Amino acid sequence: MRILLVVYDSGMYIHWFPMSLAYIASVLKRKGYKVEIYNQDKFHFPEEHLTEYLENHEFDVVGVTN
């Protein structure tokens, strides 16, 4: 199962990676899931970039945090 975890853009210039998401990714990886993290907050990608990423990659589950 492929899982995408998205760090949504908060609009701030100081980036803090959400530790809760790192914990979730760690547990999922240990259980054998393929996990990717799309960090929109760090790079401030526009919404179209995420839409294009989702269209070009197939995931079974997408989780979003802010």
C-alpha atoms as a PDB file:
ATOM      1  CA  MET A   1       0.000   0.000   0.000  1.00  0.00           C
ATOM      2  CA  ARG A   2       1.337   3.420  -0.975  1.00  0.00           C
ATOM      3  CA  ILE A   3       0.649   6.282   1.392  1.00  0.00           C
ATOM      4  CA  LEU A   4       1.224   9.996   0.814  1.00  0.00           C
ATOM      5  CA  LEU A   5       1.463  12.319   3.804  1.00  0.00           C
ATOM      6  CA  VAL A   6       1.085  16.004   2.942  1.00  0.00           C
ATOM      7  CA  VAL A   7       2.445  18.860   5.045  1.00  0.00           C
ATOM      8  CA  TYR A   8       0.109  21.634   3.956  1.00  0.00           C
ATOM      9  CA  ASP A   9       1.469  25.163   3.477  1.00  0.00           C
ATOM     10  CA  SER A  10       0.874  27.270   6.577  1.00  0.00           C
ATOM     11  CA  GLY A  11       2.153  30.418   4.882  1.00  0.00           C
ATOM     12  CA  MET A  12       4.842  30.996   7.494  1.00  0.00           C
ATOM     13  CA  TYR A  13       8.454  31.671   6.611  1.00  0.00           C
ATOM     14  CA  ILE A  14       9.807  29.594   9.493  1.00  0.00           C
ATOM     15  CA  HIS A  15       9.415  25.921   8.756  1.00  0.00           C
ATOM     16  CA  TRP A  16       8.724  23.428  11.550  1.00  0.00           C
ATOM     17  CA  PHE A  17       8.246  19.886  10.372  1.00  0.00           C
ATOM     18  CA  PRO A  18       5.322  18.339  12.288  1.00  0.00           C
ATOM     19  CA  MET A  19       6.758  15.630  14.530  1.00  0.00           C
ATOM     20  CA  SER A  20       3.391  13.901  14.692  1.00  0.00           C
ATOM     21  CA  LEU A  21       3.622  13.265  10.955  1.00  0.00           C
ATOM     22  CA  ALA A  22       7.158  11.922  11.340  1.00  0.00           C
ATOM     23  CA  TYR A  23       5.934   9.499  14.020  1.00  0.00           C
ATOM     24  CA  ILE A  24       3.082   8.315  11.806  1.00  0.00           C
ATOM     25  CA  ALA A  25       5.428   7.834   8.843  1.00  0.00           C
ATOM     26  CA  SER A  26       7.874   5.900  11.020  1.00  0.00           C
ATOM     27  CA  VAL A  27       5.233   3.473  12.282  1.00  0.00           C
ATOM     28  CA  LEU A  28       3.812   2.952   8.799  1.00  0.00           C
ATOM     29  CA  LYS A  29       7.269   2.259   7.337  1.00  0.00           C
ATOM     30  CA  ARG A  30       8.011  -0.267  10.080  1.00  0.00           C
ATOM     31  CA  LYS A  31       4.765  -2.032   9.198  1.00  0.00           C
ATOM     32  CA  GLY A  32       5.947  -2.333   5.589  1.00  0.00           C
ATOM     33  CA  TYR A  33       3.965   0.440   3.918  1.00  0.00           C
ATOM     34  CA  LYS A  34       5.538   2.625   1.249  1.00  0.00           C
ATOM     35  CA  VAL A  35       5.356   6.176   2.594  1.00  0.00           C
ATOM     36  CA  GLU A  36       6.098   9.460   0.821  1.00  0.00           C
ATOM     37  CA  ILE A  37       5.967  12.917   2.327  1.00  0.00           C
ATOM     38  CA  TYR A  38       5.007  15.902   0.183  1.00  0.00           C
ATOM     39  CA  ASN A  39       6.238  18.989   2.028  1.00  0.00           C
ATOM     40  CA  GLN A  40       4.305  21.903   0.585  1.00  0.00           C
ATOM     41  CA  ASP A  41       5.034  24.049   3.647  1.00  0.00           C
ATOM     42  CA  LYS A  42       8.812  24.057   3.240  1.00  0.00           C
ATOM     43  CA  PHE A  43       8.845  24.914  -0.466  1.00  0.00           C
ATOM     44  CA  HIS A  44       5.558  26.896  -0.654  1.00  0.00           C
ATOM     45  CA  PHE A  45       4.456  25.062  -3.794  1.00  0.00           C
ATOM     46  CA  PRO A  46       1.224  26.368  -5.351  1.00  0.00           C
ATOM     47  CA  GLU A  47      -1.918  24.217  -5.205  1.00  0.00           C
ATOM     48  CA  GLU A  48      -1.433  23.272  -8.863  1.00  0.00           C
ATOM     49  CA  HIS A  49       1.859  21.585  -8.006  1.00  0.00           C
ATOM     50  CA  LEU A  50       0.167  19.270  -5.502  1.00  0.00           C
ATOM     51  CA  THR A  51      -2.654  18.537  -7.950  1.00  0.00           C
ATOM     52  CA  GLU A  52      -0.129  17.650 -10.656  1.00  0.00           C
ATOM     53  CA  TYR A  53       1.836  15.488  -8.216  1.00  0.00           C
ATOM     54  CA  LEU A  54      -1.332  13.570  -7.308  1.00  0.00           C
ATOM     55  CA  GLU A  55      -2.239  13.107 -10.976  1.00  0.00           C
ATOM     56  CA  ASN A  56       1.231  11.732 -11.808  1.00  0.00           C
ATOM     57  CA  HIS A  57       1.565   9.381  -8.817  1.00  0.00           C
ATOM     58  CA  GLU A  58      -0.804   6.728  -7.536  1.00  0.00           C
ATOM     59  CA  PHE A  59      -1.532   6.435  -3.813  1.00  0.00           C
ATOM     60  CA  ASP A  60      -3.942   4.279  -1.865  1.00  0.00           C
ATOM     61  CA  VAL A  61      -4.197   6.738   1.033  1.00  0.00           C
ATOM     62  CA  VAL A  62      -3.482  10.469   1.346  1.00  0.00           C
ATOM     63  CA  GLY A  63      -3.134  12.098   4.760  1.00  0.00           C
ATOM     64  CA  VAL A  64      -3.028  15.871   5.207  1.00  0.00           C
ATOM     65  CA  THR A  65      -1.803  17.956   8.133  1.00  0.00           C
ATOM     66  CA  ASN A  66      -1.366  21.694   8.650  1.00  0.00           C
END
